[in-house]
């Protein structure tokens, strides 16, 4: 555990010793000039007394200026130390607008995309950006907790209508997959039956993640992950490895994998008909293959 520095050690560490010594010397000169002004022989001499009065007045202003400068620099160093500690831990930036960050990163993505989530609300808003990234050459892996799983029902209940989001996202991904000729290992969607605690995206080598909160918004709906802050993680930091390992662990424990050929069939059937949410869920389940042993590496 790190020992806390005392004030003297902090002044030395923050390279403020010169500032402090100048302030001390100025204060000593101020005291000496004040004492000199009190000497009757000097104070009764108009010229000398005026000089001494001007001297200790200007010194007093200088002392206050030096003290203010020391305090400002001291606090700036403390802030820099805090930011440095965050960076060493692995947090590069904090963001309130996850969509804006992801759109910016996806605009030049051409290697790898990771997606995770329950309802795919934010992912649906980014489907065009994801589609364009795949066309540029990016592979994709998605880990989703689906509405037919016990884990989804435990978090959101049984009344959430999310299948349309799934269909829109999967259609865009499949369209890009076919246009690029990528196979099922390069473009893969798997489903888990366990709660997902972090809303994690990977865009090339950047990891963007944040917690799922169980608050409710003013309309009594669940607070979405994008409503809370997200953080951009420093590559190859300890936190980066932890989040990456969590995603890989979830991936290795997936129960179902989407079959793109089957999905295309059920998508066309759903688009041609007027099906209820439960029927759409049944169709989605029929387009999935059960995974016995995870046989594909992330």
C-alpha atoms as a PDB file:
ATOM      1  CA  UNK A   1       0.000   0.000   0.000  1.00  0.00           C
ATOM      2  CA  UNK A   2       1.365   3.439  -0.926  1.00  0.00           C
ATOM      3  CA  UNK A   3       2.361   5.768   1.955  1.00  0.00           C
ATOM      4  CA  UNK A   4       0.735   9.169   1.823  1.00  0.00           C
ATOM      5  CA  UNK A   5       3.157  12.064   1.381  1.00  0.00           C
ATOM      6  CA  UNK A   6       3.241  14.835   3.969  1.00  0.00           C
ATOM      7  CA  UNK A   7       2.957  18.473   2.888  1.00  0.00           C
ATOM      8  CA  UNK A   8       6.729  18.980   2.732  1.00  0.00           C
ATOM      9  CA  UNK A   9       7.206  15.873   0.589  1.00  0.00           C
ATOM     10  CA  UNK A  10       4.355  16.930  -1.704  1.00  0.00           C
ATOM     11  CA  UNK A  11       5.930  20.361  -2.215  1.00  0.00           C
ATOM     12  CA  UNK A  12       9.175  18.644  -3.159  1.00  0.00           C
ATOM     13  CA  UNK A  13       7.439  16.082  -5.396  1.00  0.00           C
ATOM     14  CA  UNK A  14       5.400  18.775  -7.151  1.00  0.00           C
ATOM     15  CA  UNK A  15       8.599  20.837  -7.723  1.00  0.00           C
ATOM     16  CA  UNK A  16       7.308  23.814  -5.762  1.00  0.00           C
ATOM     17  CA  UNK A  17      10.274  24.303  -3.451  1.00  0.00           C
ATOM     18  CA  UNK A  18      11.616  27.294  -5.416  1.00  0.00           C
ATOM     19  CA  UNK A  19       8.205  28.964  -5.273  1.00  0.00           C
ATOM     20  CA  UNK A  20       7.980  28.410  -1.528  1.00  0.00           C
ATOM     21  CA  UNK A  21      11.516  29.731  -0.882  1.00  0.00           C
ATOM     22  CA  UNK A  22      10.830  32.887  -2.899  1.00  0.00           C
ATOM     23  CA  UNK A  23       7.627  33.423  -0.902  1.00  0.00           C
ATOM     24  CA  UNK A  24       9.489  32.903   2.404  1.00  0.00           C
ATOM     25  CA  UNK A  25      12.326  35.281   1.465  1.00  0.00           C
ATOM     26  CA  UNK A  26       9.820  37.900   0.270  1.00  0.00           C
ATOM     27  CA  UNK A  27       7.927  37.547   3.547  1.00  0.00           C
ATOM     28  CA  UNK A  28      11.160  38.040   5.551  1.00  0.00           C
ATOM     29  CA  UNK A  29      12.002  41.179   3.555  1.00  0.00           C
ATOM     30  CA  UNK A  30       8.429  42.386   4.157  1.00  0.00           C
ATOM     31  CA  UNK A  31       8.824  41.918   7.933  1.00  0.00           C
ATOM     32  CA  UNK A  32      12.211  43.661   7.916  1.00  0.00           C
ATOM     33  CA  UNK A  33      10.827  46.609   5.934  1.00  0.00           C
ATOM     34  CA  UNK A  34       7.875  46.815   8.328  1.00  0.00           C
ATOM     35  CA  UNK A  35      10.255  46.859  11.308  1.00  0.00           C
ATOM     36  CA  UNK A  36      12.392  49.513   9.629  1.00  0.00           C
ATOM     37  CA  UNK A  37       9.296  51.647   9.050  1.00  0.00           C
ATOM     38  CA  UNK A  38       8.591  51.552  12.778  1.00  0.00           C
ATOM     39  CA  UNK A  39      11.994  53.100  13.618  1.00  0.00           C
ATOM     40  CA  UNK A  40      11.258  56.763  14.495  1.00  0.00           C
ATOM     41  CA  UNK A  41      14.368  58.153  12.827  1.00  0.00           C
ATOM     42  CA  UNK A  42      13.449  56.527   9.525  1.00  0.00           C
ATOM     43  CA  UNK A  43       9.688  57.105   9.694  1.00  0.00           C
ATOM     44  CA  UNK A  44      10.192  60.826  10.414  1.00  0.00           C
ATOM     45  CA  UNK A  45      12.228  61.131   7.229  1.00  0.00           C
ATOM     46  CA  UNK A  46       9.656  61.757   4.508  1.00  0.00           C
ATOM     47  CA  UNK A  47      11.638  60.324   1.599  1.00  0.00           C
ATOM     48  CA  UNK A  48      12.764  57.135   3.385  1.00  0.00           C
ATOM     49  CA  UNK A  49       9.371  56.528   5.005  1.00  0.00           C
ATOM     50  CA  UNK A  50       7.638  56.807   1.620  1.00  0.00           C
ATOM     51  CA  UNK A  51      10.078  54.315   0.113  1.00  0.00           C
ATOM     52  CA  UNK A  52       9.564  51.860   2.991  1.00  0.00           C
ATOM     53  CA  UNK A  53       5.797  52.254   2.784  1.00  0.00           C
ATOM     54  CA  UNK A  54       5.813  51.573  -0.947  1.00  0.00           C
ATOM     55  CA  UNK A  55       8.232  48.667  -0.442  1.00  0.00           C
ATOM     56  CA  UNK A  56       6.276  46.676   2.134  1.00  0.00           C
ATOM     57  CA  UNK A  57       2.990  47.431   0.357  1.00  0.00           C
ATOM     58  CA  UNK A  58       4.325  46.017  -2.912  1.00  0.00           C
ATOM     59  CA  UNK A  59       5.906  43.108  -1.044  1.00  0.00           C
ATOM     60  CA  UNK A  60       2.564  42.301   0.566  1.00  0.00           C
ATOM     61  CA  UNK A  61       0.913  42.163  -2.876  1.00  0.00           C
ATOM     62  CA  UNK A  62       3.798  39.994  -4.150  1.00  0.00           C
ATOM     63  CA  UNK A  63       3.412  37.573  -1.235  1.00  0.00           C
ATOM     64  CA  UNK A  64      -0.313  37.111  -1.884  1.00  0.00           C
ATOM     65  CA  UNK A  65       0.402  36.591  -5.605  1.00  0.00           C
ATOM     66  CA  UNK A  66       3.092  33.989  -4.849  1.00  0.00           C
ATOM     67  CA  UNK A  67       0.829  32.160  -2.399  1.00  0.00           C
ATOM     68  CA  UNK A  68      -1.997  32.080  -4.944  1.00  0.00           C
ATOM     69  CA  UNK A  69       0.399  30.740  -7.587  1.00  0.00           C
ATOM     70  CA  UNK A  70       1.674  28.038  -5.209  1.00  0.00           C
ATOM     71  CA  UNK A  71      -1.888  26.965  -4.308  1.00  0.00           C
ATOM     72  CA  UNK A  72      -2.951  26.823  -7.972  1.00  0.00           C
ATOM     73  CA  UNK A  73       0.120  24.797  -8.993  1.00  0.00           C
ATOM     74  CA  UNK A  74      -0.301  22.501  -5.990  1.00  0.00           C
ATOM     75  CA  UNK A  75      -3.928  21.732  -6.910  1.00  0.00           C
ATOM     76  CA  UNK A  76      -3.033  21.288 -10.587  1.00  0.00           C
ATOM     77  CA  UNK A  77      -0.399  18.729  -9.666  1.00  0.00           C
ATOM     78  CA  UNK A  78      -2.906  16.887  -7.487  1.00  0.00           C
ATOM     79  CA  UNK A  79      -5.353  16.764 -10.431  1.00  0.00           C
ATOM     80  CA  UNK A  80      -2.596  15.549 -12.759  1.00  0.00           C
ATOM     81  CA  UNK A  81      -1.672  12.873 -10.244  1.00  0.00           C
ATOM     82  CA  UNK A  82      -5.313  11.745 -10.098  1.00  0.00           C
ATOM     83  CA  UNK A  83      -5.543  11.580 -13.901  1.00  0.00           C
ATOM     84  CA  UNK A  84      -2.238   9.731 -14.048  1.00  0.00           C
ATOM     85  CA  UNK A  85      -3.516   7.173 -11.541  1.00  0.00           C
ATOM     86  CA  UNK A  86      -6.672   6.702 -13.645  1.00  0.00           C
ATOM     87  CA  UNK A  87      -4.557   6.193 -16.749  1.00  0.00           C
ATOM     88  CA  UNK A  88      -2.264   3.711 -14.981  1.00  0.00           C
ATOM     89  CA  UNK A  89      -5.329   1.793 -13.822  1.00  0.00           C
ATOM     90  CA  UNK A  90      -6.561   1.667 -17.401  1.00  0.00           C
ATOM     91  CA  UNK A  91      -9.203   4.383 -17.833  1.00  0.00           C
ATOM     92  CA  UNK A  92      -8.284   6.598 -20.746  1.00  0.00           C
ATOM     93  CA  UNK A  93     -11.423   8.751 -20.929  1.00  0.00           C
ATOM     94  CA  UNK A  94     -14.867   8.944 -19.352  1.00  0.00           C
ATOM     95  CA  UNK A  95     -17.825   9.485 -21.677  1.00  0.00           C
ATOM     96  CA  UNK A  96     -21.484  10.294 -21.159  1.00  0.00           C
ATOM     97  CA  UNK A  97     -22.435   9.848 -24.822  1.00  0.00           C
ATOM     98  CA  UNK A  98     -21.518   6.278 -25.725  1.00  0.00           C
ATOM     99  CA  UNK A  99     -23.246   6.479 -29.110  1.00  0.00           C
ATOM    100  CA  UNK A 100     -21.137   9.467 -30.169  1.00  0.00           C
ATOM    101  CA  UNK A 101     -17.905   7.731 -29.131  1.00  0.00           C
ATOM    102  CA  UNK A 102     -18.789   4.489 -30.904  1.00  0.00           C
ATOM    103  CA  UNK A 103     -19.877   6.249 -34.098  1.00  0.00           C
ATOM    104  CA  UNK A 104     -16.550   8.076 -34.163  1.00  0.00           C
ATOM    105  CA  UNK A 105     -14.558   4.853 -33.669  1.00  0.00           C
ATOM    106  CA  UNK A 106     -16.668   2.852 -36.132  1.00  0.00           C
ATOM    107  CA  UNK A 107     -16.137   5.472 -38.840  1.00  0.00           C
ATOM    108  CA  UNK A 108     -12.650   4.070 -39.491  1.00  0.00           C
ATOM    109  CA  UNK A 109     -12.968   0.534 -38.062  1.00  0.00           C
ATOM    110  CA  UNK A 110     -11.689  -2.183 -40.410  1.00  0.00           C
ATOM    111  CA  UNK A 111     -10.488  -5.014 -38.182  1.00  0.00           C
ATOM    112  CA  UNK A 112     -12.751  -6.206 -35.342  1.00  0.00           C
ATOM    113  CA  UNK A 113     -16.074  -5.353 -33.698  1.00  0.00           C
ATOM    114  CA  UNK A 114     -17.369  -6.789 -30.428  1.00  0.00           C
ATOM    115  CA  UNK A 115     -20.952  -6.247 -29.334  1.00  0.00           C
ATOM    116  CA  UNK A 116     -22.747  -7.236 -26.142  1.00  0.00           C
ATOM    117  CA  UNK A 117     -26.157  -6.534 -24.711  1.00  0.00           C
ATOM    118  CA  UNK A 118     -29.742  -7.451 -23.960  1.00  0.00           C
ATOM    119  CA  UNK A 119     -32.151  -5.298 -25.962  1.00  0.00           C
ATOM    120  CA  UNK A 120     -29.723  -3.982 -28.617  1.00  0.00           C
ATOM    121  CA  UNK A 121     -31.225  -0.488 -28.492  1.00  0.00           C
ATOM    122  CA  UNK A 122     -27.918   1.324 -28.958  1.00  0.00           C
ATOM    123  CA  UNK A 123     -26.626  -1.343 -31.351  1.00  0.00           C
ATOM    124  CA  UNK A 124     -29.722  -0.868 -33.520  1.00  0.00           C
ATOM    125  CA  UNK A 125     -28.946   2.851 -33.728  1.00  0.00           C
ATOM    126  CA  UNK A 126     -25.421   1.954 -34.894  1.00  0.00           C
ATOM    127  CA  UNK A 127     -26.389  -0.729 -37.425  1.00  0.00           C
ATOM    128  CA  UNK A 128     -25.402   1.366 -40.455  1.00  0.00           C
ATOM    129  CA  UNK A 129     -21.996   2.144 -38.909  1.00  0.00           C
ATOM    130  CA  UNK A 130     -21.475  -1.553 -38.153  1.00  0.00           C
ATOM    131  CA  UNK A 131     -22.509  -2.474 -41.685  1.00  0.00           C
ATOM    132  CA  UNK A 132     -19.987  -0.020 -43.172  1.00  0.00           C
ATOM    133  CA  UNK A 133     -17.213  -1.329 -40.892  1.00  0.00           C
ATOM    134  CA  UNK A 134     -17.781  -4.905 -42.040  1.00  0.00           C
ATOM    135  CA  UNK A 135     -17.630  -3.755 -45.657  1.00  0.00           C
ATOM    136  CA  UNK A 136     -14.235  -2.200 -44.855  1.00  0.00           C
ATOM    137  CA  UNK A 137     -13.050  -5.616 -43.654  1.00  0.00           C
ATOM    138  CA  UNK A 138     -13.971  -5.854 -39.981  1.00  0.00           C
ATOM    139  CA  UNK A 139     -14.940  -9.183 -38.413  1.00  0.00           C
ATOM    140  CA  UNK A 140     -17.713  -9.205 -35.809  1.00  0.00           C
ATOM    141  CA  UNK A 141     -18.578 -11.094 -32.662  1.00  0.00           C
ATOM    142  CA  UNK A 142     -21.731 -10.422 -30.662  1.00  0.00           C
ATOM    143  CA  UNK A 143     -22.682 -11.810 -27.255  1.00  0.00           C
ATOM    144  CA  UNK A 144     -26.359 -11.328 -26.512  1.00  0.00           C
ATOM    145  CA  UNK A 145     -28.609 -12.297 -23.621  1.00  0.00           C
ATOM    146  CA  UNK A 146     -31.857 -13.045 -25.545  1.00  0.00           C
ATOM    147  CA  UNK A 147     -35.470 -12.520 -24.419  1.00  0.00           C
ATOM    148  CA  UNK A 148     -36.183 -16.261 -24.237  1.00  0.00           C
ATOM    149  CA  UNK A 149     -33.428 -16.824 -21.660  1.00  0.00           C
ATOM    150  CA  UNK A 150     -34.053 -16.939 -17.906  1.00  0.00           C
ATOM    151  CA  UNK A 151     -31.272 -14.372 -17.408  1.00  0.00           C
ATOM    152  CA  UNK A 152     -33.026 -11.809 -19.637  1.00  0.00           C
ATOM    153  CA  UNK A 153     -36.344 -12.353 -17.836  1.00  0.00           C
ATOM    154  CA  UNK A 154     -34.615 -11.966 -14.483  1.00  0.00           C
ATOM    155  CA  UNK A 155     -33.331  -8.519 -15.514  1.00  0.00           C
ATOM    156  CA  UNK A 156     -36.100  -7.140 -17.758  1.00  0.00           C
ATOM    157  CA  UNK A 157     -39.081  -9.401 -17.197  1.00  0.00           C
ATOM    158  CA  UNK A 158     -41.144 -11.029 -19.942  1.00  0.00           C
ATOM    159  CA  UNK A 159     -42.840  -8.025 -21.517  1.00  0.00           C
ATOM    160  CA  UNK A 160     -39.975  -6.292 -23.290  1.00  0.00           C
ATOM    161  CA  UNK A 161     -40.461  -6.111 -27.058  1.00  0.00           C
ATOM    162  CA  UNK A 162     -36.945  -6.305 -28.455  1.00  0.00           C
ATOM    163  CA  UNK A 163     -37.125  -8.734 -31.368  1.00  0.00           C
ATOM    164  CA  UNK A 164     -37.501  -5.969 -33.948  1.00  0.00           C
ATOM    165  CA  UNK A 165     -34.163  -4.540 -32.773  1.00  0.00           C
ATOM    166  CA  UNK A 166     -32.618  -7.986 -33.169  1.00  0.00           C
ATOM    167  CA  UNK A 167     -34.020  -8.382 -36.684  1.00  0.00           C
ATOM    168  CA  UNK A 168     -32.783  -4.973 -37.848  1.00  0.00           C
ATOM    169  CA  UNK A 169     -29.283  -5.498 -36.425  1.00  0.00           C
ATOM    170  CA  UNK A 170     -28.930  -9.078 -37.680  1.00  0.00           C
ATOM    171  CA  UNK A 171     -30.254  -8.155 -41.118  1.00  0.00           C
ATOM    172  CA  UNK A 172     -27.659  -5.375 -41.496  1.00  0.00           C
ATOM    173  CA  UNK A 173     -24.866  -7.666 -40.283  1.00  0.00           C
ATOM    174  CA  UNK A 174     -25.940 -10.541 -42.534  1.00  0.00           C
ATOM    175  CA  UNK A 175     -26.226  -8.218 -45.532  1.00  0.00           C
ATOM    176  CA  UNK A 176     -22.645  -7.038 -45.001  1.00  0.00           C
ATOM    177  CA  UNK A 177     -21.512 -10.643 -44.429  1.00  0.00           C
ATOM    178  CA  UNK A 178     -22.925 -11.767 -47.767  1.00  0.00           C
ATOM    179  CA  UNK A 179     -21.545  -8.764 -49.630  1.00  0.00           C
ATOM    180  CA  UNK A 180     -18.041  -9.389 -48.268  1.00  0.00           C
ATOM    181  CA  UNK A 181     -18.159 -13.184 -48.510  1.00  0.00           C
ATOM    182  CA  UNK A 182     -17.232 -13.643 -44.851  1.00  0.00           C
ATOM    183  CA  UNK A 183     -18.020 -16.962 -43.163  1.00  0.00           C
ATOM    184  CA  UNK A 184     -19.811 -17.776 -39.912  1.00  0.00           C
ATOM    185  CA  UNK A 185     -16.606 -17.721 -37.878  1.00  0.00           C
ATOM    186  CA  UNK A 186     -15.721 -14.239 -39.050  1.00  0.00           C
ATOM    187  CA  UNK A 187     -19.228 -12.863 -38.449  1.00  0.00           C
ATOM    188  CA  UNK A 188     -20.705 -14.593 -35.430  1.00  0.00           C
ATOM    189  CA  UNK A 189     -23.589 -13.971 -33.044  1.00  0.00           C
ATOM    190  CA  UNK A 190     -23.909 -16.108 -29.918  1.00  0.00           C
ATOM    191  CA  UNK A 191     -26.440 -16.078 -27.098  1.00  0.00           C
ATOM    192  CA  UNK A 192     -25.870 -16.620 -23.381  1.00  0.00           C
ATOM    193  CA  UNK A 193     -28.223 -17.581 -20.587  1.00  0.00           C
ATOM    194  CA  UNK A 194     -26.548 -15.569 -17.858  1.00  0.00           C
ATOM    195  CA  UNK A 195     -26.727 -11.893 -16.874  1.00  0.00           C
ATOM    196  CA  UNK A 196     -24.353  -9.503 -18.631  1.00  0.00           C
ATOM    197  CA  UNK A 197     -23.012  -6.936 -16.185  1.00  0.00           C
ATOM    198  CA  UNK A 198     -20.944  -4.777 -18.549  1.00  0.00           C
ATOM    199  CA  UNK A 199     -22.077  -3.170 -21.781  1.00  0.00           C
ATOM    200  CA  UNK A 200     -18.871  -3.822 -23.704  1.00  0.00           C
ATOM    201  CA  UNK A 201     -17.978  -2.882 -27.255  1.00  0.00           C
ATOM    202  CA  UNK A 202     -14.690  -3.403 -29.001  1.00  0.00           C
ATOM    203  CA  UNK A 203     -13.832  -1.367 -32.089  1.00  0.00           C
ATOM    204  CA  UNK A 204     -10.509  -2.568 -33.514  1.00  0.00           C
ATOM    205  CA  UNK A 205      -8.199  -2.292 -30.475  1.00  0.00           C
ATOM    206  CA  UNK A 206     -10.401   0.105 -28.480  1.00  0.00           C
ATOM    207  CA  UNK A 207     -12.566  -1.242 -25.666  1.00  0.00           C
ATOM    208  CA  UNK A 208     -15.536   0.865 -24.564  1.00  0.00           C
ATOM    209  CA  UNK A 209     -17.443  -0.429 -21.569  1.00  0.00           C
ATOM    210  CA  UNK A 210     -19.699   0.610 -18.724  1.00  0.00           C
ATOM    211  CA  UNK A 211     -22.034  -0.961 -16.176  1.00  0.00           C
ATOM    212  CA  UNK A 212     -25.669  -1.921 -16.587  1.00  0.00           C
ATOM    213  CA  UNK A 213     -27.654  -0.021 -13.962  1.00  0.00           C
ATOM    214  CA  UNK A 214     -30.909  -1.243 -12.410  1.00  0.00           C
ATOM    215  CA  UNK A 215     -32.323   2.247 -11.910  1.00  0.00           C
ATOM    216  CA  UNK A 216     -35.597   3.265 -13.505  1.00  0.00           C
ATOM    217  CA  UNK A 217     -36.040   6.381 -15.610  1.00  0.00           C
ATOM    218  CA  UNK A 218     -38.958   8.860 -15.056  1.00  0.00           C
ATOM    219  CA  UNK A 219     -41.207   6.743 -17.265  1.00  0.00           C
ATOM    220  CA  UNK A 220     -40.601   3.678 -15.055  1.00  0.00           C
ATOM    221  CA  UNK A 221     -38.483   1.919 -17.608  1.00  0.00           C
ATOM    222  CA  UNK A 222     -35.084   0.431 -17.003  1.00  0.00           C
ATOM    223  CA  UNK A 223     -32.187   2.838 -17.274  1.00  0.00           C
ATOM    224  CA  UNK A 224     -30.147   1.899 -20.324  1.00  0.00           C
ATOM    225  CA  UNK A 225     -26.415   1.280 -20.171  1.00  0.00           C
ATOM    226  CA  UNK A 226     -25.774   4.221 -22.482  1.00  0.00           C
ATOM    227  CA  UNK A 227     -27.460   6.573 -19.982  1.00  0.00           C
ATOM    228  CA  UNK A 228     -24.617   6.043 -17.520  1.00  0.00           C
ATOM    229  CA  UNK A 229     -20.975   6.886 -18.085  1.00  0.00           C
ATOM    230  CA  UNK A 230     -18.733   4.683 -20.203  1.00  0.00           C
ATOM    231  CA  UNK A 231     -14.979   4.529 -20.214  1.00  0.00           C
ATOM    232  CA  UNK A 232     -12.443   4.082 -22.948  1.00  0.00           C
ATOM    233  CA  UNK A 233      -9.823   1.624 -21.720  1.00  0.00           C
ATOM    234  CA  UNK A 234      -6.086   1.983 -22.247  1.00  0.00           C
ATOM    235  CA  UNK A 235      -4.860  -0.843 -24.464  1.00  0.00           C
ATOM    236  CA  UNK A 236      -2.965  -3.615 -22.654  1.00  0.00           C
ATOM    237  CA  UNK A 237      -3.589  -2.111 -19.206  1.00  0.00           C
ATOM    238  CA  UNK A 238      -4.701  -4.401 -16.380  1.00  0.00           C
ATOM    239  CA  UNK A 239      -8.274  -3.160 -16.769  1.00  0.00           C
ATOM    240  CA  UNK A 240      -8.164  -3.835 -20.523  1.00  0.00           C
ATOM    241  CA  UNK A 241      -7.131  -7.439 -19.832  1.00  0.00           C
ATOM    242  CA  UNK A 242      -9.863  -7.867 -17.200  1.00  0.00           C
ATOM    243  CA  UNK A 243     -12.653  -6.604 -19.485  1.00  0.00           C
ATOM    244  CA  UNK A 244     -11.300  -8.561 -22.457  1.00  0.00           C
ATOM    245  CA  UNK A 245     -11.143 -11.747 -20.379  1.00  0.00           C
ATOM    246  CA  UNK A 246     -14.695 -11.216 -19.116  1.00  0.00           C
ATOM    247  CA  UNK A 247     -15.962 -10.964 -22.698  1.00  0.00           C
ATOM    248  CA  UNK A 248     -14.027 -14.056 -23.755  1.00  0.00           C
ATOM    249  CA  UNK A 249     -15.367 -15.976 -20.744  1.00  0.00           C
ATOM    250  CA  UNK A 250     -18.957 -15.094 -21.626  1.00  0.00           C
ATOM    251  CA  UNK A 251     -18.280 -16.080 -25.231  1.00  0.00           C
ATOM    252  CA  UNK A 252     -16.883 -19.461 -24.199  1.00  0.00           C
ATOM    253  CA  UNK A 253     -20.030 -20.168 -22.144  1.00  0.00           C
ATOM    254  CA  UNK A 254     -22.558 -19.293 -24.877  1.00  0.00           C
ATOM    255  CA  UNK A 255     -25.493 -21.717 -25.308  1.00  0.00           C
ATOM    256  CA  UNK A 256     -26.747 -20.826 -28.802  1.00  0.00           C
ATOM    257  CA  UNK A 257     -25.264 -19.618 -32.085  1.00  0.00           C
ATOM    258  CA  UNK A 258     -27.200 -17.846 -34.839  1.00  0.00           C
ATOM    259  CA  UNK A 259     -27.267 -19.740 -38.139  1.00  0.00           C
ATOM    260  CA  UNK A 260     -27.222 -17.130 -40.895  1.00  0.00           C
ATOM    261  CA  UNK A 261     -28.930 -19.286 -43.509  1.00  0.00           C
ATOM    262  CA  UNK A 262     -31.783 -20.126 -41.140  1.00  0.00           C
ATOM    263  CA  UNK A 263     -32.012 -16.505 -40.027  1.00  0.00           C
ATOM    264  CA  UNK A 264     -32.458 -15.314 -43.588  1.00  0.00           C
ATOM    265  CA  UNK A 265     -35.405 -17.700 -44.030  1.00  0.00           C
ATOM    266  CA  UNK A 266     -37.210 -16.656 -40.830  1.00  0.00           C
ATOM    267  CA  UNK A 267     -36.463 -12.976 -41.489  1.00  0.00           C
ATOM    268  CA  UNK A 268     -38.228 -13.157 -44.851  1.00  0.00           C
ATOM    269  CA  UNK A 269     -41.162 -14.990 -43.267  1.00  0.00           C
ATOM    270  CA  UNK A 270     -41.498 -12.389 -40.510  1.00  0.00           C
ATOM    271  CA  UNK A 271     -41.276  -9.525 -42.996  1.00  0.00           C
ATOM    272  CA  UNK A 272     -43.935 -11.134 -45.187  1.00  0.00           C
ATOM    273  CA  UNK A 273     -46.344 -11.808 -42.320  1.00  0.00           C
ATOM    274  CA  UNK A 274     -47.817 -10.056 -39.293  1.00  0.00           C
ATOM    275  CA  UNK A 275     -46.472 -12.024 -36.364  1.00  0.00           C
ATOM    276  CA  UNK A 276     -46.729 -11.395 -32.648  1.00  0.00           C
ATOM    277  CA  UNK A 277     -43.654 -10.894 -30.465  1.00  0.00           C
ATOM    278  CA  UNK A 278     -43.861 -14.440 -29.087  1.00  0.00           C
ATOM    279  CA  UNK A 279     -44.002 -15.881 -32.605  1.00  0.00           C
ATOM    280  CA  UNK A 280     -41.001 -13.835 -33.665  1.00  0.00           C
ATOM    281  CA  UNK A 281     -39.106 -15.146 -30.644  1.00  0.00           C
ATOM    282  CA  UNK A 282     -39.974 -18.714 -31.594  1.00  0.00           C
ATOM    283  CA  UNK A 283     -38.707 -18.044 -35.116  1.00  0.00           C
ATOM    284  CA  UNK A 284     -35.450 -16.619 -33.773  1.00  0.00           C
ATOM    285  CA  UNK A 285     -34.989 -19.661 -31.538  1.00  0.00           C
ATOM    286  CA  UNK A 286     -35.493 -21.927 -34.558  1.00  0.00           C
ATOM    287  CA  UNK A 287     -32.721 -20.091 -36.397  1.00  0.00           C
ATOM    288  CA  UNK A 288     -30.213 -20.842 -33.630  1.00  0.00           C
ATOM    289  CA  UNK A 289     -28.051 -23.886 -33.086  1.00  0.00           C
ATOM    290  CA  UNK A 290     -27.346 -25.172 -29.614  1.00  0.00           C
ATOM    291  CA  UNK A 291     -23.668 -25.066 -28.699  1.00  0.00           C
ATOM    292  CA  UNK A 292     -22.393 -28.165 -26.943  1.00  0.00           C
ATOM    293  CA  UNK A 293     -18.777 -27.114 -26.560  1.00  0.00           C
ATOM    294  CA  UNK A 294     -17.506 -23.712 -27.607  1.00  0.00           C
ATOM    295  CA  UNK A 295     -15.258 -24.531 -30.543  1.00  0.00           C
ATOM    296  CA  UNK A 296     -14.347 -21.076 -31.842  1.00  0.00           C
ATOM    297  CA  UNK A 297     -11.790 -18.757 -30.314  1.00  0.00           C
ATOM    298  CA  UNK A 298     -12.518 -15.059 -29.924  1.00  0.00           C
END
